[in-house]
Amino acid sequence: MPVPEPESASAESQSLTKAQKKAEGRARQEQQRAAKAAQKQQQQSGQNAGPSSNKSKGSTVQKKPALESNKIPSAAASSSKDAPTTREGAVGADGLSDGPKSRGLRIFSHFGLPKTPGHQIKGDIHPAIVKLGLQFSEFKICGANARCIATLTAFKTVIQDYVTPPHNTLSRHLMTHLSPQITHLVTARPMSVTMGNAIRQLKLEISGSDIDLPEQDAKDALCQEIDNYIRDRIIIADEVIEDLAVKKIKDGDVVLTYARSSLVEKILLRAHSLNKRFSVMVIDSRPLLEGKTLLHSLTSVIPPIPCTYALLPALPSLITDADIVLLGAHSLHANGSVYSRAGTAMVAMLAKEHSVPVMLCCETYKFSETVMLDGFGKNELGLLSINYFFALLFADAVCNQTAPMKFSLGASNSNLEVLNPLYDSTPASCITAVVTEVGLIPPTSISSIPLALGRTTL
């Protein structure tokens, strides 16, 4: 069998040459990568050498063994391992985190994460919108009514400063001009239902504006429509709701409320101005502790309203003393569920368990055609600085007070993360009645109001 021996030898030589070529190619790639990495390190270290020296260094680097090229990725990997801890656990001088954490449960990953005050500005954004976005992101403007009024007021300034480009009409180009302004506000903080309804109405007014009107007259007409919307849907609506809700407060009643609603605050002050004698229990909770503002407002009148301030865990021991519960709402949905400050559902459920009537005070422009089943499909998280502040309080409470407290926000406590959802969903079965400017209605009859008013939408 002498014939196949040379064929096998030639096949082995061909296979060896292929393997050698692959090895040589890999060696060249490793040498090039090592040379590039060495040049980057030299540039970062501040060594500025001439072109001749760079060439000589590049040639010497290529002669280095592959062992040194393996050291560079290991150092990069170690620095990348340290990077997330410094990014996640970056703590400022005040002991609060400087940036949002990337770690968290998947069930909360779709929540509206809190934005940093200096988020990027994309497009031609009006200074009034930039200022408003900063106030939203820092929670300096809170509440559905306050955010809606501030947004419409800023849009009035944008409209007055707007100039229609040549060969365009105001009714068409102004919509394009407002789109980046709205996007910037949504980037700063997720849009509320009240803002969405108001912006939808504003776009309808812009599209229906007369083309033959002079530009300044058309802008004045749009600003007048904005003023009418604020007056009719918010200010006058609140006055009508005050008159209806005050009648439900009797002398000697104990009114329980949660957090702070601007409408509930007006109702209580209106009842006090009518010389009704009642007391108020203000239930509050983190992260915003808005009940403190309500407590200050109720106790600042002359004579002050008798008030009791307590946190949410104390509610079961106080609900038995309440005669009526007044709550505010962020939005009210088609299935009757109430989207409001986190903790409202617990207050309403405990009140129902103890047969205490729950009155929800809500304007009709807060109604939404969507359906909300729980507080996980849509929500928003509080500021990280607020989260870490309460994390410190929590650690102070659980640690042994006799021993020095060892708590930090760095890598030593990487397993601790506080999430503060700002809203929850209250089922319609826990609400006795909804007080609106059209009267007292059950929460399940929200969808019938537009037809009763002769409108297609609210």
Protein backbone atom coordinates (compact mmCIF):
# COMPACT_ATOMS: atom_id res chain seq x y z
CA MET A 1 0.00 0.00 0.00
CA PRO A 2 2.66 2.62 -0.90
CA VAL A 3 0.34 4.94 -2.92
CA PRO A 4 -1.75 6.71 -0.21
CA GLU A 5 1.30 7.66 1.88
CA PRO A 6 2.34 10.72 -0.17
CA GLU A 7 -1.31 11.88 -0.39
CA SER A 8 -1.67 11.73 3.39
CA ALA A 9 1.62 13.54 3.81
CA SER A 10 0.53 16.30 1.43
CA ALA A 11 -2.83 16.64 3.27
CA GLU A 12 -1.02 16.94 6.59
CA SER A 13 1.28 19.61 5.16
CA GLN A 14 -1.72 21.56 3.81
CA SER A 15 -3.49 21.32 7.17
CA LEU A 16 -0.35 22.50 8.92
CA THR A 17 -0.01 25.48 6.64
CA LYS A 18 -3.65 26.47 7.26
CA ALA A 19 -3.23 26.21 11.01
CA GLN A 20 -0.03 28.22 10.82
CA LYS A 21 -1.77 30.93 8.80
CA LYS A 22 -4.60 31.16 11.34
CA ALA A 23 -2.13 31.33 14.21
CA GLU A 24 -0.14 34.05 12.48
CA GLY A 25 -3.33 36.06 11.83
CA ARG A 26 -4.40 35.80 15.46
CA ALA A 27 -0.94 36.83 16.62
CA ARG A 28 -1.05 39.91 14.38
CA GLN A 29 -4.48 40.88 15.74
CA GLU A 30 -3.32 40.48 19.32
CA GLN A 31 -0.22 42.56 18.63
CA GLN A 32 -2.30 45.32 17.01
CA ARG A 33 -4.73 45.36 19.92
CA ALA A 34 -1.88 45.50 22.40
CA ALA A 35 -0.30 48.35 20.48
CA LYS A 36 -3.54 50.33 20.43
CA ALA A 37 -4.13 49.75 24.13
CA ALA A 38 -0.57 50.84 24.92
CA GLN A 39 -0.99 54.02 22.85
CA LYS A 40 -4.24 54.87 24.66
CA GLN A 41 -2.57 54.39 28.02
CA GLN A 42 0.31 56.63 26.96
CA GLN A 43 -2.10 59.35 25.83
CA GLN A 44 -4.04 59.20 29.09
CA SER A 45 -0.87 59.37 31.19
CA GLY A 46 0.05 62.63 29.47
CA GLN A 47 3.17 61.47 27.67
CA ASN A 48 3.36 63.38 24.39
CA ALA A 49 6.15 61.93 22.30
CA GLY A 50 7.24 62.79 18.75
CA PRO A 51 6.25 60.82 15.67
CA SER A 52 9.59 59.03 15.47
CA SER A 53 9.41 57.92 19.06
CA ASN A 54 5.81 56.77 18.53
CA LYS A 55 6.90 54.58 15.64
CA SER A 56 9.74 53.10 17.66
CA LYS A 57 7.41 52.49 20.59
CA GLY A 58 4.89 50.88 18.30
CA SER A 59 7.56 48.54 16.92
CA THR A 60 8.77 47.64 20.40
CA VAL A 61 5.25 47.00 21.55
CA GLN A 62 4.75 44.55 18.71
CA LYS A 63 7.77 42.57 19.93
CA LYS A 64 6.30 42.14 23.41
CA PRO A 65 5.00 38.68 24.22
CA ALA A 66 1.29 37.95 24.22
CA LEU A 67 1.38 37.62 27.98
CA GLU A 68 1.45 41.40 28.45
CA SER A 69 -1.42 41.83 26.00
CA ASN A 70 -3.50 39.59 28.23
CA LYS A 71 -2.83 41.86 31.21
CA ILE A 72 -4.51 44.84 29.63
CA PRO A 73 -7.99 43.28 29.23
CA SER A 74 -7.78 42.00 32.79
CA ALA A 75 -7.12 45.51 34.07
CA ALA A 76 -9.98 46.86 31.96
CA ALA A 77 -12.25 44.14 33.32
CA SER A 78 -11.30 45.00 36.89
CA SER A 79 -11.99 48.68 36.23
CA SER A 80 -15.34 47.78 34.64
CA LYS A 81 -16.24 45.74 37.70
CA ASP A 82 -15.49 48.70 39.91
CA ALA A 83 -17.35 51.14 37.68
CA PRO A 84 -20.92 50.05 38.51
CA THR A 85 -20.24 50.27 42.24
CA THR A 86 -18.94 53.80 41.92
CA ARG A 87 -21.80 54.75 39.61
CA GLU A 88 -24.52 53.16 41.69
CA GLY A 89 -23.09 53.97 45.07
CA ALA A 90 -21.89 57.49 44.34
CA VAL A 91 -22.65 59.49 47.45
CA GLY A 92 -22.46 63.23 47.70
CA ALA A 93 -21.21 65.33 50.59
CA ASP A 94 -24.68 65.32 52.13
CA GLY A 95 -24.84 61.53 52.20
CA LEU A 96 -27.39 61.29 49.36
CA SER A 97 -26.96 59.56 46.05
CA ASP A 98 -26.03 61.67 43.04
CA GLY A 99 -27.47 59.45 40.30
CA PRO A 100 -30.17 56.86 39.71
CA LYS A 101 -29.44 53.22 40.32
CA SER A 102 -29.53 50.77 37.45
CA ARG A 103 -30.34 47.92 39.82
CA GLY A 104 -33.91 47.01 40.67
CA LEU A 105 -36.67 44.46 40.33
CA ARG A 106 -38.11 43.87 36.89
CA ILE A 107 -41.63 44.47 38.15
CA PHE A 108 -40.69 48.13 38.71
CA SER A 109 -38.56 48.59 35.60
CA HIS A 110 -41.37 50.25 33.62
CA PHE A 111 -42.13 52.84 36.30
CA GLY A 112 -41.38 56.48 35.55
CA LEU A 113 -37.88 56.84 36.99
CA PRO A 114 -36.99 60.16 38.64
CA LYS A 115 -34.95 62.40 36.37
CA THR A 116 -31.94 64.43 37.36
CA PRO A 117 -32.55 68.22 37.41
CA GLY A 118 -30.08 68.78 34.57
CA HIS A 119 -31.60 66.46 31.98
CA GLN A 120 -30.71 67.12 28.36
CA ILE A 121 -32.52 69.74 26.31
CA LYS A 122 -33.30 68.52 22.81
CA GLY A 123 -34.64 70.86 20.17
CA ASP A 124 -35.82 74.44 20.31
CA ILE A 125 -37.19 74.60 23.86
CA HIS A 126 -38.63 77.82 25.28
CA PRO A 127 -36.98 79.08 28.51
CA ALA A 128 -40.34 78.95 30.29
CA ILE A 129 -40.64 75.24 29.46
CA VAL A 130 -37.06 74.59 30.61
CA LYS A 131 -37.81 76.28 33.94
CA LEU A 132 -41.05 74.35 34.33
CA GLY A 133 -39.30 71.06 33.54
CA LEU A 134 -36.76 71.70 36.29
CA GLN A 135 -39.55 72.48 38.75
CA PHE A 136 -41.33 69.25 37.80
CA SER A 137 -38.21 67.11 38.12
CA GLU A 138 -37.37 68.60 41.53
CA PHE A 139 -40.99 68.17 42.76
CA LYS A 140 -41.28 71.89 43.46
CA ILE A 141 -44.68 71.81 41.72
CA CYS A 142 -46.81 68.89 42.91
CA GLY A 143 -50.46 68.08 42.52
CA ALA A 144 -52.59 67.50 39.45
CA ASN A 145 -54.20 70.95 39.47
CA ALA A 146 -50.96 72.82 40.13
CA ARG A 147 -49.12 70.98 37.36
CA CYS A 148 -51.93 71.56 34.86
CA ILE A 149 -52.19 75.28 35.63
CA ALA A 150 -48.41 75.72 35.47
CA THR A 151 -48.26 73.89 32.12
CA LEU A 152 -51.02 75.96 30.54
CA THR A 153 -49.50 79.19 31.87
CA ALA A 154 -46.14 78.27 30.34
CA PHE A 155 -47.83 77.46 27.03
CA LYS A 156 -49.37 80.93 27.02
CA THR A 157 -45.87 82.40 27.12
CA VAL A 158 -44.73 80.05 24.35
CA ILE A 159 -47.67 81.03 22.15
CA GLN A 160 -47.13 84.75 22.67
CA ASP A 161 -43.44 84.47 21.76
CA TYR A 162 -44.15 82.28 18.74
CA VAL A 163 -43.66 83.72 15.23
CA THR A 164 -45.15 81.93 12.24
CA PRO A 165 -42.50 81.18 9.57
CA PRO A 166 -43.09 82.39 6.01
CA HIS A 167 -45.36 80.29 3.80
CA ASN A 168 -46.94 78.62 6.87
CA THR A 169 -50.13 79.03 8.86
CA LEU A 170 -50.36 79.32 12.62
CA SER A 171 -52.96 76.58 12.95
CA ARG A 172 -50.63 74.02 11.36
CA HIS A 173 -47.10 75.08 12.29
CA LEU A 174 -47.84 75.91 15.94
CA MET A 175 -48.67 72.25 16.58
CA THR A 176 -45.19 71.33 15.31
CA HIS A 177 -43.64 74.02 17.51
CA LEU A 178 -45.41 72.76 20.65
CA SER A 179 -44.47 69.10 20.18
CA PRO A 180 -40.85 69.41 21.45
CA GLN A 181 -42.07 71.54 24.35
CA ILE A 182 -44.44 68.77 25.44
CA THR A 183 -41.75 66.13 24.93
CA HIS A 184 -39.39 68.06 27.20
CA LEU A 185 -41.98 68.19 29.99
CA VAL A 186 -42.64 64.47 29.65
CA THR A 187 -38.89 63.82 29.82
CA ALA A 188 -38.68 65.77 33.07
CA ARG A 189 -41.58 63.89 34.65
CA PRO A 190 -44.32 61.59 33.29
CA MET A 191 -47.37 63.47 32.08
CA SER A 192 -50.41 63.51 34.34
CA VAL A 193 -53.95 62.84 33.14
CA THR A 194 -54.91 66.47 33.77
CA MET A 195 -52.04 67.74 31.62
CA GLY A 196 -52.93 65.29 28.86
CA ASN A 197 -56.58 66.38 28.80
CA ALA A 198 -55.63 70.07 28.81
CA ILE A 199 -53.05 69.66 26.03
CA ARG A 200 -55.56 67.69 23.96
CA GLN A 201 -58.09 70.52 24.32
CA LEU A 202 -55.42 73.10 23.43
CA LYS A 203 -54.50 71.22 20.25
CA LEU A 204 -58.18 71.10 19.32
CA GLU A 205 -58.43 74.86 19.74
CA ILE A 206 -55.29 75.43 17.66
CA SER A 207 -56.50 73.24 14.81
CA GLY A 208 -59.83 75.05 14.80
CA SER A 209 -58.42 78.58 14.77
CA ASP A 210 -59.40 80.84 11.87
CA ILE A 211 -56.76 81.06 9.14
CA ASP A 212 -57.88 84.57 8.10
CA LEU A 213 -57.25 86.05 11.55
CA PRO A 214 -54.09 88.15 12.00
CA GLU A 215 -51.35 86.33 13.85
CA GLN A 216 -51.49 88.40 17.04
CA ASP A 217 -55.28 88.14 17.21
CA ALA A 218 -55.11 84.37 16.79
CA LYS A 219 -52.52 84.11 19.58
CA ASP A 220 -54.63 86.30 21.86
CA ALA A 221 -57.66 84.14 21.14
CA LEU A 222 -55.74 80.97 22.05
CA CYS A 223 -54.50 82.52 25.31
CA GLN A 224 -58.06 83.52 26.11
CA GLU A 225 -59.20 79.93 25.56
CA ILE A 226 -56.50 78.76 27.97
CA ASP A 227 -57.72 81.22 30.59
CA ASN A 228 -61.29 80.04 30.06
CA TYR A 229 -60.24 76.41 30.48
CA ILE A 230 -58.49 77.15 33.78
CA ARG A 231 -61.44 79.19 35.00
CA ASP A 232 -64.23 76.80 33.99
CA ARG A 233 -62.67 73.38 34.52
CA ILE A 234 -60.59 74.09 37.64
CA ILE A 235 -61.44 77.29 39.55
CA ILE A 236 -65.21 77.38 39.16
CA ALA A 237 -65.41 73.58 39.34
CA ASP A 238 -63.61 73.69 42.70
CA GLU A 239 -66.07 76.28 44.01
CA VAL A 240 -69.06 74.12 43.06
CA ILE A 241 -67.46 71.03 44.64
CA GLU A 242 -66.80 73.04 47.81
CA ASP A 243 -70.50 73.93 48.11
CA LEU A 244 -71.52 70.29 47.66
CA ALA A 245 -68.93 68.76 49.98
CA VAL A 246 -69.36 71.29 52.81
CA LYS A 247 -72.95 70.12 53.25
CA LYS A 248 -71.66 66.64 54.19
CA ILE A 249 -69.64 68.00 57.15
CA LYS A 250 -71.74 68.35 60.31
CA ASP A 251 -70.96 69.97 63.64
CA GLY A 252 -68.89 67.69 65.83
CA ASP A 253 -67.67 65.52 62.95
CA VAL A 254 -64.16 64.13 62.79
CA VAL A 255 -62.94 64.44 59.19
CA LEU A 256 -60.12 62.15 58.13
CA THR A 257 -57.99 62.97 55.09
CA TYR A 258 -54.82 61.60 53.59
CA ALA A 259 -51.74 63.50 52.36
CA ARG A 260 -52.68 66.83 50.82
CA SER A 261 -55.24 67.61 48.16
CA SER A 262 -55.68 71.26 47.23
CA LEU A 263 -59.41 70.69 46.76
CA VAL A 264 -59.86 68.97 50.13
CA GLU A 265 -57.92 71.81 51.75
CA LYS A 266 -60.32 74.36 50.22
CA ILE A 267 -63.32 72.35 51.43
CA LEU A 268 -62.06 72.23 55.01
CA LEU A 269 -61.24 75.94 55.06
CA ARG A 270 -64.63 76.73 53.55
CA ALA A 271 -66.39 74.69 56.24
CA HIS A 272 -64.39 76.51 58.91
CA SER A 273 -65.38 79.88 57.44
CA LEU A 274 -69.04 78.83 57.81
CA ASN A 275 -68.47 78.45 61.58
CA LYS A 276 -68.80 74.67 61.53
CA ARG A 277 -67.16 72.97 64.48
CA PHE A 278 -65.24 69.90 63.46
CA SER A 279 -61.79 68.36 63.83
CA VAL A 280 -59.44 66.93 61.25
CA MET A 281 -57.15 63.89 61.31
CA VAL A 282 -54.35 64.24 58.78
CA ILE A 283 -52.79 60.89 57.81
CA ASP A 284 -49.46 61.15 56.04
CA SER A 285 -46.68 58.94 54.67
CA ARG A 286 -43.45 59.10 52.73
CA PRO A 287 -41.97 60.00 50.34
CA LEU A 288 -43.32 63.56 50.09
CA LEU A 289 -45.02 64.01 53.50
CA GLU A 290 -47.47 66.46 51.97
CA GLY A 291 -49.73 66.26 55.02
CA LYS A 292 -47.40 68.62 56.86
CA THR A 293 -48.30 71.40 54.42
CA LEU A 294 -52.01 70.72 54.94
CA LEU A 295 -51.53 70.65 58.71
CA HIS A 296 -49.80 74.03 58.64
CA SER A 297 -52.56 75.52 56.52
CA LEU A 298 -55.38 74.26 58.78
CA THR A 299 -53.71 75.39 61.98
CA SER A 300 -52.79 78.84 60.63
CA VAL A 301 -56.39 80.12 60.46
CA ILE A 302 -57.98 82.02 63.32
CA PRO A 303 -59.24 80.22 65.31
CA PRO A 304 -57.16 77.18 64.30
CA ILE A 305 -58.89 73.97 63.32
CA PRO A 306 -58.26 71.14 65.83
CA CYS A 307 -56.02 68.68 64.01
CA THR A 308 -54.36 65.34 64.65
CA TYR A 309 -51.32 64.38 62.60
CA ALA A 310 -50.29 60.73 62.27
CA LEU A 311 -48.43 58.51 59.86
CA LEU A 312 -50.05 55.75 57.85
CA PRO A 313 -49.15 52.85 60.22
CA ALA A 314 -51.28 54.51 62.94
CA LEU A 315 -54.40 54.54 60.75
CA PRO A 316 -56.03 51.32 62.14
CA SER A 317 -56.17 52.84 65.63
CA LEU A 318 -57.60 56.17 64.40
CA ILE A 319 -60.12 55.13 61.76
CA THR A 320 -62.69 54.16 64.40
CA ASP A 321 -62.91 57.79 65.54
CA ALA A 322 -63.57 59.19 62.04
CA ASP A 323 -67.07 60.16 60.88
CA ILE A 324 -66.23 60.88 57.22
CA VAL A 325 -63.22 60.48 54.94
CA LEU A 326 -62.41 63.15 52.33
CA LEU A 327 -59.89 62.19 49.67
CA GLY A 328 -58.46 63.82 46.59
CA ALA A 329 -57.61 62.17 43.28
CA HIS A 330 -54.93 62.39 40.65
CA SER A 331 -57.28 60.86 38.07
CA LEU A 332 -60.47 58.82 37.89
CA HIS A 333 -60.73 56.04 35.30
CA ALA A 334 -63.54 54.50 33.30
CA ASN A 335 -63.91 51.45 35.54
CA GLY A 336 -64.26 53.69 38.61
CA SER A 337 -60.77 53.08 39.99
CA VAL A 338 -59.05 56.05 41.61
CA TYR A 339 -55.43 56.84 40.81
CA SER A 340 -54.10 58.88 43.70
CA ARG A 341 -51.19 59.28 46.12
CA ALA A 342 -49.76 55.98 47.39
CA GLY A 343 -51.61 55.01 50.57
CA THR A 344 -55.05 56.21 49.45
CA ALA A 345 -56.17 52.64 48.76
CA MET A 346 -55.31 51.57 52.30
CA VAL A 347 -57.25 54.50 53.78
CA ALA A 348 -60.33 53.78 51.63
CA MET A 349 -60.28 50.03 52.35
CA LEU A 350 -59.98 50.52 56.10
CA ALA A 351 -62.76 53.09 56.04
CA LYS A 352 -65.03 50.67 54.19
CA GLU A 353 -64.16 47.92 56.68
CA HIS A 354 -65.28 50.18 59.57
CA SER A 355 -68.36 51.53 57.70
CA VAL A 356 -67.00 55.08 57.39
CA PRO A 357 -68.26 56.91 54.25
CA VAL A 358 -65.54 57.84 51.77
CA MET A 359 -66.13 60.97 49.67
CA LEU A 360 -63.82 61.47 46.72
CA CYS A 361 -63.48 65.09 45.56
CA CYS A 362 -62.56 65.23 41.89
CA GLU A 363 -63.13 67.59 38.95
CA THR A 364 -64.45 66.17 35.70
CA TYR A 365 -61.34 67.16 33.75
CA LYS A 366 -59.46 64.51 35.76
CA PHE A 367 -61.55 61.72 34.24
CA SER A 368 -59.77 59.28 31.94
CA GLU A 369 -61.24 56.89 29.39
CA THR A 370 -58.64 54.24 30.20
CA VAL A 371 -59.08 51.36 32.62
CA MET A 372 -56.76 50.86 35.59
CA LEU A 373 -56.73 47.56 37.43
CA ASP A 374 -53.79 48.05 39.80
CA GLY A 375 -50.92 50.36 40.61
CA PHE A 376 -48.28 48.30 38.81
CA GLY A 377 -49.29 48.91 35.21
CA LYS A 378 -48.55 52.62 35.50
CA ASN A 379 -46.76 54.46 38.26
CA GLU A 380 -43.94 56.82 39.09
CA LEU A 381 -41.04 56.65 41.52
CA GLY A 382 -40.05 59.36 43.95
CA LEU A 383 -36.76 61.19 44.05
CA LEU A 384 -33.69 59.14 44.92
CA SER A 385 -32.62 61.68 47.54
CA ILE A 386 -35.95 61.15 49.31
CA ASN A 387 -35.53 57.39 49.02
CA TYR A 388 -32.10 57.41 50.61
CA PHE A 389 -33.20 59.78 53.34
CA PHE A 390 -35.80 57.26 54.43
CA ALA A 391 -33.31 54.44 53.99
CA LEU A 392 -31.18 56.17 56.59
CA LEU A 393 -34.16 56.51 58.91
CA PHE A 394 -35.01 52.85 58.41
CA ALA A 395 -31.47 51.77 59.21
CA ASP A 396 -31.44 53.98 62.31
CA ALA A 397 -34.63 52.32 63.53
CA VAL A 398 -33.57 48.70 63.03
CA CYS A 399 -30.00 49.00 64.26
CA ASN A 400 -29.06 48.48 67.89
CA GLN A 401 -29.01 51.91 69.50
CA THR A 402 -26.40 50.84 72.08
CA ALA A 403 -23.89 50.09 69.37
CA PRO A 404 -22.66 52.64 66.84
CA MET A 405 -24.74 52.57 63.67
CA LYS A 406 -22.84 51.24 60.70
CA PHE A 407 -24.71 52.25 57.58
CA SER A 408 -23.58 53.64 54.28
CA LEU A 409 -24.95 53.91 50.79
CA GLY A 410 -21.95 52.40 49.09
CA ALA A 411 -21.02 48.85 48.18
CA SER A 412 -21.31 47.65 51.80
CA ASN A 413 -25.12 47.94 51.56
CA SER A 414 -25.54 47.11 47.89
CA ASN A 415 -28.50 44.84 48.68
CA LEU A 416 -30.58 47.68 50.15
CA GLU A 417 -32.71 49.69 47.76
CA VAL A 418 -35.75 51.77 48.71
CA LEU A 419 -38.44 52.27 46.06
CA ASN A 420 -41.15 54.85 46.59
CA PRO A 421 -44.07 54.50 44.15
CA LEU A 422 -45.94 57.78 44.23
CA TYR A 423 -49.40 56.48 43.31
CA ASP A 424 -51.72 53.54 43.86
CA SER A 425 -55.09 52.39 42.56
CA THR A 426 -58.20 52.36 44.74
CA PRO A 427 -61.06 50.08 43.57
CA ALA A 428 -64.46 51.63 42.97
CA SER A 429 -66.06 49.40 45.63
CA CYS A 430 -64.23 51.34 48.36
CA ILE A 431 -65.59 54.76 47.30
CA THR A 432 -69.00 55.83 48.60
CA ALA A 433 -69.51 58.78 46.21
CA VAL A 434 -67.57 61.09 43.93
CA VAL A 435 -68.16 64.82 44.42
CA THR A 436 -67.88 66.61 41.06
CA GLU A 437 -69.08 69.94 39.69
CA VAL A 438 -72.04 68.10 38.12
CA GLY A 439 -73.14 66.59 41.43
CA LEU A 440 -72.57 63.53 43.60
CA ILE A 441 -72.28 60.39 41.51
CA PRO A 442 -71.14 56.80 42.12
CA PRO A 443 -67.66 56.05 40.79
CA THR A 444 -69.01 53.50 38.30
CA SER A 445 -71.10 56.18 36.50
CA ILE A 446 -68.17 58.20 35.21
CA SER A 447 -68.69 57.20 31.59
CA SER A 448 -72.27 58.55 31.57
CA ILE A 449 -71.30 62.15 32.40
CA PRO A 450 -70.28 63.25 28.86
CA LEU A 451 -73.62 62.15 27.44
CA ALA A 452 -75.49 63.89 30.25
CA LEU A 453 -73.62 67.13 29.44
CA GLY A 454 -74.19 66.75 25.71
CA ARG A 455 -70.51 66.26 24.92
CA THR A 456 -68.55 63.56 23.17
CA THR A 457 -65.63 63.75 25.63
CA LEU A 458 -64.91 65.39 28.95
